Amino acid sequence: MGCLVPPSRVMILFALVSEQPIGKFFVAAMVPAVLAISLYLTNIKLQLCVRPDYAPQVSAIDWRALRAAAVRCSVRWSAASAPGS
């Protein structure tokens, strides 16, 4: 999938060699990329409908703990990205 979704190095190189605007290549690459990604996700969904045992078992989510962890991460990130740190 990485070679379809911009910015692909090969796409940029081809645009430079062919002396074409890189922006047009990005726009042109979005339709096949979205199509490929949606087909890939549809395939996963269909496979899991047919064989639900392929999916991992998940336990209940503790939303309070998840929110607290997200707040801790955002505080650390804002402190690390502050000027002079």
C-alpha atoms as a PDB file:
ATOM      1  CA  MET A   1       0.000   0.000   0.000  1.00  0.00           C
ATOM      2  CA  GLY A   2       2.837   2.383   0.714  1.00  0.00           C
ATOM      3  CA  CYS A   3       3.804   2.625  -2.938  1.00  0.00           C
ATOM      4  CA  LEU A   4       0.277   3.717  -3.887  1.00  0.00           C
ATOM      5  CA  VAL A   5      -0.328   6.370  -1.281  1.00  0.00           C
ATOM      6  CA  PRO A   6       1.455   9.688  -1.831  1.00  0.00           C
ATOM      7  CA  PRO A   7       4.208  10.668  -1.341  1.00  0.00           C
ATOM      8  CA  SER A   8       5.799   7.769  -3.145  1.00  0.00           C
ATOM      9  CA  ARG A   9       9.483   8.180  -3.933  1.00  0.00           C
ATOM     10  CA  VAL A  10       9.060   6.469  -7.279  1.00  0.00           C
ATOM     11  CA  MET A  11       6.203   8.807  -8.176  1.00  0.00           C
ATOM     12  CA  ILE A  12       8.248  11.873  -7.268  1.00  0.00           C
ATOM     13  CA  LEU A  13      11.226  10.584  -9.226  1.00  0.00           C
ATOM     14  CA  PHE A  14       9.042   9.855 -12.252  1.00  0.00           C
ATOM     15  CA  ALA A  15       7.513  13.346 -12.077  1.00  0.00           C
ATOM     16  CA  LEU A  16      10.955  14.917 -11.978  1.00  0.00           C
ATOM     17  CA  VAL A  17      12.299  12.808 -14.840  1.00  0.00           C
ATOM     18  CA  SER A  18       9.236  13.439 -17.011  1.00  0.00           C
ATOM     19  CA  GLU A  19       9.273  17.162 -16.083  1.00  0.00           C
ATOM     20  CA  GLN A  20       5.650  17.087 -14.946  1.00  0.00           C
ATOM     21  CA  PRO A  21       4.133  18.804 -11.889  1.00  0.00           C
ATOM     22  CA  ILE A  22       4.365  16.602  -8.798  1.00  0.00           C
ATOM     23  CA  GLY A  23       0.980  17.876  -7.590  1.00  0.00           C
ATOM     24  CA  LYS A  24      -0.791  16.335 -10.568  1.00  0.00           C
ATOM     25  CA  PHE A  25       0.800  12.978  -9.769  1.00  0.00           C
ATOM     26  CA  PHE A  26      -0.398  13.220  -6.159  1.00  0.00           C
ATOM     27  CA  VAL A  27      -3.969  13.929  -7.266  1.00  0.00           C
ATOM     28  CA  ALA A  28      -3.869  11.149  -9.860  1.00  0.00           C
ATOM     29  CA  ALA A  29      -2.565   8.656  -7.293  1.00  0.00           C
ATOM     30  CA  MET A  30      -5.360   9.260  -4.790  1.00  0.00           C
ATOM     31  CA  VAL A  31      -8.123   7.440  -6.714  1.00  0.00           C
ATOM     32  CA  PRO A  32      -6.268   4.117  -7.094  1.00  0.00           C
ATOM     33  CA  ALA A  33      -4.956   4.418  -3.542  1.00  0.00           C
ATOM     34  CA  VAL A  34      -8.421   4.923  -2.060  1.00  0.00           C
ATOM     35  CA  LEU A  35      -9.781   2.118  -4.220  1.00  0.00           C
ATOM     36  CA  ALA A  36      -7.031  -0.308  -3.183  1.00  0.00           C
ATOM     37  CA  ILE A  37      -7.361   0.560   0.503  1.00  0.00           C
ATOM     38  CA  SER A  38     -11.152   0.196   0.448  1.00  0.00           C
ATOM     39  CA  LEU A  39     -10.902  -3.175  -1.317  1.00  0.00           C
ATOM     40  CA  TYR A  40      -8.311  -4.329   1.201  1.00  0.00           C
ATOM     41  CA  LEU A  41     -10.500  -3.321   4.158  1.00  0.00           C
ATOM     42  CA  THR A  42     -13.570  -4.885   2.526  1.00  0.00           C
ATOM     43  CA  ASN A  43     -11.658  -8.128   2.112  1.00  0.00           C
ATOM     44  CA  ILE A  44     -10.708  -8.116   5.791  1.00  0.00           C
ATOM     45  CA  LYS A  45     -14.328  -7.447   6.788  1.00  0.00           C
ATOM     46  CA  LEU A  46     -15.625 -10.273   4.579  1.00  0.00           C
ATOM     47  CA  GLN A  47     -12.994 -12.691   5.878  1.00  0.00           C
ATOM     48  CA  LEU A  48     -13.990 -11.894   9.463  1.00  0.00           C
ATOM     49  CA  CYS A  49     -17.686 -12.335   8.668  1.00  0.00           C
ATOM     50  CA  VAL A  50     -16.989 -15.784   7.255  1.00  0.00           C
ATOM     51  CA  ARG A  51     -14.424 -16.822   9.886  1.00  0.00           C
ATOM     52  CA  PRO A  52     -14.883 -14.735  13.072  1.00  0.00           C
ATOM     53  CA  ASP A  53     -12.359 -16.939  14.880  1.00  0.00           C
ATOM     54  CA  TYR A  54      -9.604 -15.244  12.816  1.00  0.00           C
ATOM     55  CA  ALA A  55     -10.081 -12.036  14.808  1.00  0.00           C
ATOM     56  CA  PRO A  56      -8.270 -11.654  18.131  1.00  0.00           C
ATOM     57  CA  GLN A  57     -10.346 -11.772  21.285  1.00  0.00           C
ATOM     58  CA  VAL A  58     -10.583  -8.404  23.006  1.00  0.00           C
ATOM     59  CA  SER A  59     -11.504  -7.705  26.571  1.00  0.00           C
ATOM     60  CA  ALA A  60     -13.625  -4.819  27.788  1.00  0.00           C
ATOM     61  CA  ILE A  61     -12.019  -1.402  27.382  1.00  0.00           C
ATOM     62  CA  ASP A  62     -11.419   0.672  30.485  1.00  0.00           C
ATOM     63  CA  TRP A  63     -12.210   4.086  28.996  1.00  0.00           C
ATOM     64  CA  ARG A  64     -11.136   6.027  32.096  1.00  0.00           C
ATOM     65  CA  ALA A  65      -7.685   4.432  32.079  1.00  0.00           C
ATOM     66  CA  LEU A  66      -7.385   5.017  28.343  1.00  0.00           C
ATOM     67  CA  ARG A  67      -8.306   8.692  28.733  1.00  0.00           C
ATOM     68  CA  ALA A  68      -5.864   9.111  31.618  1.00  0.00           C
ATOM     69  CA  ALA A  69      -3.081   7.589  29.527  1.00  0.00           C
ATOM     70  CA  ALA A  70      -3.911   9.901  26.618  1.00  0.00           C
ATOM     71  CA  VAL A  71      -3.807  12.926  28.909  1.00  0.00           C
ATOM     72  CA  ARG A  72      -0.428  11.841  30.308  1.00  0.00           C
ATOM     73  CA  CYS A  73       0.955  11.428  26.788  1.00  0.00           C
ATOM     74  CA  SER A  74      -0.345  14.802  25.640  1.00  0.00           C
ATOM     75  CA  VAL A  75       1.162  16.513  28.687  1.00  0.00           C
ATOM     76  CA  ARG A  76       4.530  14.863  28.033  1.00  0.00           C
ATOM     77  CA  TRP A  77       4.364  15.736  24.328  1.00  0.00           C
ATOM     78  CA  SER A  78       3.499  19.380  24.997  1.00  0.00           C
ATOM     79  CA  ALA A  79       6.304  19.632  27.555  1.00  0.00           C
ATOM     80  CA  ALA A  80       8.807  18.029  25.172  1.00  0.00           C
ATOM     81  CA  SER A  81       7.834  20.284  22.272  1.00  0.00           C
ATOM     82  CA  ALA A  82       7.869  23.501  24.305  1.00  0.00           C
ATOM     83  CA  PRO A  83      10.528  26.033  23.292  1.00  0.00           C
ATOM     84  CA  GLY A  84      13.659  25.818  25.372  1.00  0.00           C
ATOM     85  CA  SER A  85      13.121  22.239  26.511  1.00  0.00           C
END
